[in-house]
Amino acid sequence: MNLSEILGRPEGKTLEFKRDLSSPESALKAIVAFANTAGGLLLLGVEDRRGSVKGVTEPLDLEERLANLISDSIVPRLVPE
């Protein structure tokens, strides 16, 4: 499945869109829900509900921040892919 197909799908049990990590609790809740089921896909830089791509300015910094949030906030430890 390519990115345009994913963006055309509605958010649900295995797909979540987040514009950014300004409210990380929401993203962490989605990640925990994915971990407790069959997994899922979290797309950052995409507007909730509308699916319009806004992008991110520093993807590596955002990835590191998310990894740190997961490591510091979720127990038992989770290793995201």
N, C-alpha and C. Protein backbone atom coordinates (compact mmCIF):
# COMPACT_ATOMS: atom_id res chain seq x y z
N MET A 1 0.85 -1.18 0.00
CA MET A 1 0.00 0.00 0.00
C MET A 1 0.90 1.24 0.00
N ASN A 2 0.60 2.18 -0.90
CA ASN A 2 1.42 3.39 -0.96
C ASN A 2 0.81 4.50 -0.10
N LEU A 3 1.55 5.58 0.03
CA LEU A 3 1.14 6.67 0.92
C LEU A 3 -0.19 7.28 0.51
N SER A 4 -0.43 7.48 -0.77
CA SER A 4 -1.69 8.10 -1.19
C SER A 4 -2.88 7.20 -0.85
N GLU A 5 -2.70 5.89 -0.92
CA GLU A 5 -3.78 4.97 -0.52
C GLU A 5 -4.03 5.05 0.99
N ILE A 6 -2.95 5.13 1.76
CA ILE A 6 -3.08 5.24 3.22
C ILE A 6 -3.79 6.54 3.58
N LEU A 7 -3.42 7.65 2.95
CA LEU A 7 -4.04 8.94 3.24
C LEU A 7 -5.51 8.97 2.84
N GLY A 8 -5.91 8.13 1.90
CA GLY A 8 -7.30 8.06 1.48
C GLY A 8 -8.18 7.25 2.42
N ARG A 9 -7.55 6.51 3.33
CA ARG A 9 -8.32 5.72 4.29
C ARG A 9 -8.73 6.59 5.48
N PRO A 10 -9.84 6.26 6.12
CA PRO A 10 -10.22 7.00 7.33
C PRO A 10 -9.41 6.51 8.53
N GLU A 11 -9.28 7.36 9.52
CA GLU A 11 -8.64 6.93 10.76
C GLU A 11 -9.49 5.84 11.39
N GLY A 12 -8.84 4.93 12.08
CA GLY A 12 -9.57 3.84 12.71
C GLY A 12 -8.67 3.07 13.67
N LYS A 13 -8.96 1.79 13.83
CA LYS A 13 -8.23 0.96 14.79
C LYS A 13 -6.76 0.78 14.46
N THR A 14 -6.40 0.90 13.19
CA THR A 14 -5.01 0.68 12.80
C THR A 14 -4.38 1.87 12.09
N LEU A 15 -5.04 3.02 12.10
CA LEU A 15 -4.50 4.21 11.43
C LEU A 15 -4.84 5.46 12.22
N GLU A 16 -3.83 6.27 12.47
CA GLU A 16 -4.02 7.51 13.22
C GLU A 16 -3.18 8.61 12.57
N PHE A 17 -3.77 9.78 12.38
CA PHE A 17 -3.08 10.95 11.85
C PHE A 17 -2.85 11.94 12.99
N LYS A 18 -1.67 12.53 13.02
CA LYS A 18 -1.36 13.59 13.97
C LYS A 18 -0.60 14.69 13.25
N ARG A 19 -1.01 15.93 13.47
CA ARG A 19 -0.34 17.07 12.85
C ARG A 19 1.07 17.21 13.39
N ASP A 20 1.22 17.05 14.72
CA ASP A 20 2.52 17.17 15.36
C ASP A 20 2.46 16.51 16.73
N LEU A 21 3.45 16.74 17.54
CA LEU A 21 3.47 16.17 18.89
C LEU A 21 3.26 17.24 19.95
N SER A 22 2.51 18.28 19.62
CA SER A 22 2.25 19.34 20.60
C SER A 22 1.43 18.81 21.77
N SER A 23 0.62 17.80 21.54
CA SER A 23 -0.11 17.09 22.60
C SER A 23 0.26 15.62 22.51
N PRO A 24 1.39 15.24 23.07
CA PRO A 24 1.89 13.87 22.88
C PRO A 24 1.00 12.79 23.51
N GLU A 25 0.17 13.16 24.48
CA GLU A 25 -0.66 12.16 25.14
C GLU A 25 -1.57 11.45 24.14
N SER A 26 -2.10 12.16 23.20
CA SER A 26 -2.99 11.58 22.20
C SER A 26 -2.25 10.58 21.32
N ALA A 27 -1.05 10.93 20.91
CA ALA A 27 -0.24 10.01 20.09
C ALA A 27 0.15 8.78 20.90
N LEU A 28 0.50 8.98 22.18
CA LEU A 28 0.87 7.85 23.03
C LEU A 28 -0.30 6.91 23.25
N LYS A 29 -1.50 7.45 23.41
CA LYS A 29 -2.68 6.60 23.56
C LYS A 29 -2.89 5.75 22.32
N ALA A 30 -2.71 6.33 21.16
CA ALA A 30 -2.86 5.58 19.91
C ALA A 30 -1.81 4.47 19.82
N ILE A 31 -0.58 4.77 20.21
CA ILE A 31 0.50 3.79 20.15
C ILE A 31 0.21 2.62 21.10
N VAL A 32 -0.26 2.93 22.30
CA VAL A 32 -0.61 1.86 23.25
C VAL A 32 -1.75 1.02 22.70
N ALA A 33 -2.74 1.66 22.09
CA ALA A 33 -3.85 0.91 21.50
C ALA A 33 -3.35 0.00 20.38
N PHE A 34 -2.45 0.50 19.55
CA PHE A 34 -1.87 -0.33 18.48
C PHE A 34 -1.12 -1.52 19.08
N ALA A 35 -0.35 -1.26 20.15
CA ALA A 35 0.44 -2.32 20.78
C ALA A 35 -0.45 -3.40 21.40
N ASN A 36 -1.62 -3.01 21.85
CA ASN A 36 -2.54 -3.95 22.49
C ASN A 36 -3.41 -4.71 21.50
N THR A 37 -3.30 -4.38 20.23
CA THR A 37 -4.09 -5.08 19.21
C THR A 37 -3.13 -5.64 18.16
N ALA A 38 -3.45 -5.48 16.92
CA ALA A 38 -2.66 -6.07 15.85
C ALA A 38 -1.66 -5.08 15.25
N GLY A 39 -1.36 -3.99 15.95
CA GLY A 39 -0.45 -2.99 15.42
C GLY A 39 -1.21 -1.89 14.70
N GLY A 40 -0.48 -0.95 14.17
CA GLY A 40 -1.11 0.15 13.47
C GLY A 40 -0.09 1.10 12.92
N LEU A 41 -0.58 2.15 12.31
CA LEU A 41 0.27 3.13 11.64
C LEU A 41 -0.08 4.52 12.15
N LEU A 42 0.91 5.22 12.67
CA LEU A 42 0.76 6.60 13.12
C LEU A 42 1.50 7.48 12.13
N LEU A 43 0.78 8.38 11.47
CA LEU A 43 1.40 9.31 10.52
C LEU A 43 1.46 10.69 11.14
N LEU A 44 2.67 11.20 11.31
CA LEU A 44 2.86 12.55 11.83
C LEU A 44 3.02 13.51 10.67
N GLY A 45 2.51 14.72 10.85
CA GLY A 45 2.57 15.72 9.79
C GLY A 45 1.33 15.69 8.91
N VAL A 46 0.29 15.01 9.40
CA VAL A 46 -0.97 14.89 8.65
C VAL A 46 -2.09 15.40 9.55
N GLU A 47 -2.94 16.27 9.02
CA GLU A 47 -4.06 16.82 9.79
C GLU A 47 -5.04 15.72 10.18
N ASP A 48 -5.48 15.72 11.43
CA ASP A 48 -6.51 14.79 11.89
C ASP A 48 -7.76 14.97 11.05
N ARG A 49 -8.45 13.91 10.83
CA ARG A 49 -9.76 13.85 10.14
C ARG A 49 -9.70 14.20 8.66
N ARG A 50 -9.01 15.26 8.28
CA ARG A 50 -9.00 15.68 6.88
C ARG A 50 -7.98 14.91 6.05
N GLY A 51 -6.92 14.46 6.70
CA GLY A 51 -5.89 13.72 5.99
C GLY A 51 -5.02 14.57 5.08
N SER A 52 -5.03 15.89 5.28
CA SER A 52 -4.18 16.73 4.43
C SER A 52 -2.76 16.75 5.01
N VAL A 53 -1.79 16.58 4.15
CA VAL A 53 -0.39 16.49 4.57
C VAL A 53 0.17 17.88 4.81
N LYS A 54 0.70 18.10 6.00
CA LYS A 54 1.36 19.35 6.37
C LYS A 54 2.86 19.17 6.40
N GLY A 55 3.32 17.96 6.65
CA GLY A 55 4.74 17.67 6.73
C GLY A 55 5.33 18.05 8.07
N VAL A 56 6.58 17.73 8.26
CA VAL A 56 7.32 18.08 9.47
C VAL A 56 8.64 18.71 9.05
N THR A 57 9.15 19.60 9.88
CA THR A 57 10.36 20.32 9.50
C THR A 57 11.63 19.55 9.83
N GLU A 58 11.67 18.85 10.93
CA GLU A 58 12.85 18.11 11.36
C GLU A 58 12.47 16.66 11.66
N PRO A 59 12.36 15.81 10.65
CA PRO A 59 11.87 14.45 10.87
C PRO A 59 12.73 13.61 11.82
N LEU A 60 14.03 13.76 11.78
CA LEU A 60 14.88 12.97 12.68
C LEU A 60 14.72 13.41 14.12
N ASP A 61 14.59 14.71 14.35
CA ASP A 61 14.35 15.22 15.70
C ASP A 61 13.00 14.75 16.21
N LEU A 62 11.99 14.76 15.34
CA LEU A 62 10.65 14.30 15.73
C LEU A 62 10.66 12.81 16.05
N GLU A 63 11.38 12.04 15.25
CA GLU A 63 11.49 10.60 15.50
C GLU A 63 12.15 10.34 16.85
N GLU A 64 13.21 11.07 17.15
CA GLU A 64 13.90 10.91 18.43
C GLU A 64 13.00 11.32 19.59
N ARG A 65 12.28 12.42 19.43
CA ARG A 65 11.38 12.86 20.49
C ARG A 65 10.30 11.82 20.75
N LEU A 66 9.72 11.27 19.69
CA LEU A 66 8.68 10.25 19.85
C LEU A 66 9.25 9.01 20.52
N ALA A 67 10.44 8.57 20.11
CA ALA A 67 11.06 7.40 20.73
C ALA A 67 11.30 7.64 22.22
N ASN A 68 11.74 8.85 22.57
CA ASN A 68 11.95 9.18 23.98
C ASN A 68 10.64 9.21 24.76
N LEU A 69 9.59 9.78 24.16
CA LEU A 69 8.28 9.80 24.82
C LEU A 69 7.79 8.38 25.08
N ILE A 70 7.95 7.51 24.09
CA ILE A 70 7.52 6.12 24.25
C ILE A 70 8.33 5.45 25.36
N SER A 71 9.63 5.63 25.33
CA SER A 71 10.51 5.02 26.33
C SER A 71 10.21 5.51 27.74
N ASP A 72 9.93 6.80 27.88
CA ASP A 72 9.71 7.40 29.20
C ASP A 72 8.29 7.21 29.72
N SER A 73 7.32 6.94 28.84
CA SER A 73 5.92 7.01 29.24
C SER A 73 5.18 5.68 29.22
N ILE A 74 5.68 4.70 28.51
CA ILE A 74 4.92 3.45 28.33
C ILE A 74 5.64 2.30 29.04
N VAL A 75 4.88 1.63 29.90
CA VAL A 75 5.38 0.46 30.62
C VAL A 75 4.37 -0.65 30.46
N PRO A 76 4.75 -1.86 30.11
CA PRO A 76 6.11 -2.32 29.86
C PRO A 76 6.68 -1.70 28.59
N ARG A 77 8.00 -1.74 28.52
CA ARG A 77 8.73 -1.09 27.44
C ARG A 77 8.26 -1.56 26.07
N LEU A 78 8.16 -0.63 25.18
CA LEU A 78 7.71 -0.88 23.82
C LEU A 78 8.82 -0.48 22.86
N VAL A 79 9.03 -1.26 21.81
CA VAL A 79 10.03 -0.92 20.81
C VAL A 79 9.32 -0.66 19.50
N PRO A 80 9.13 0.61 19.13
CA PRO A 80 8.41 0.92 17.87
C PRO A 80 9.27 0.66 16.64
N GLU A 81 8.63 0.39 15.55
CA GLU A 81 9.34 0.22 14.27
C GLU A 81 9.12 1.44 13.43
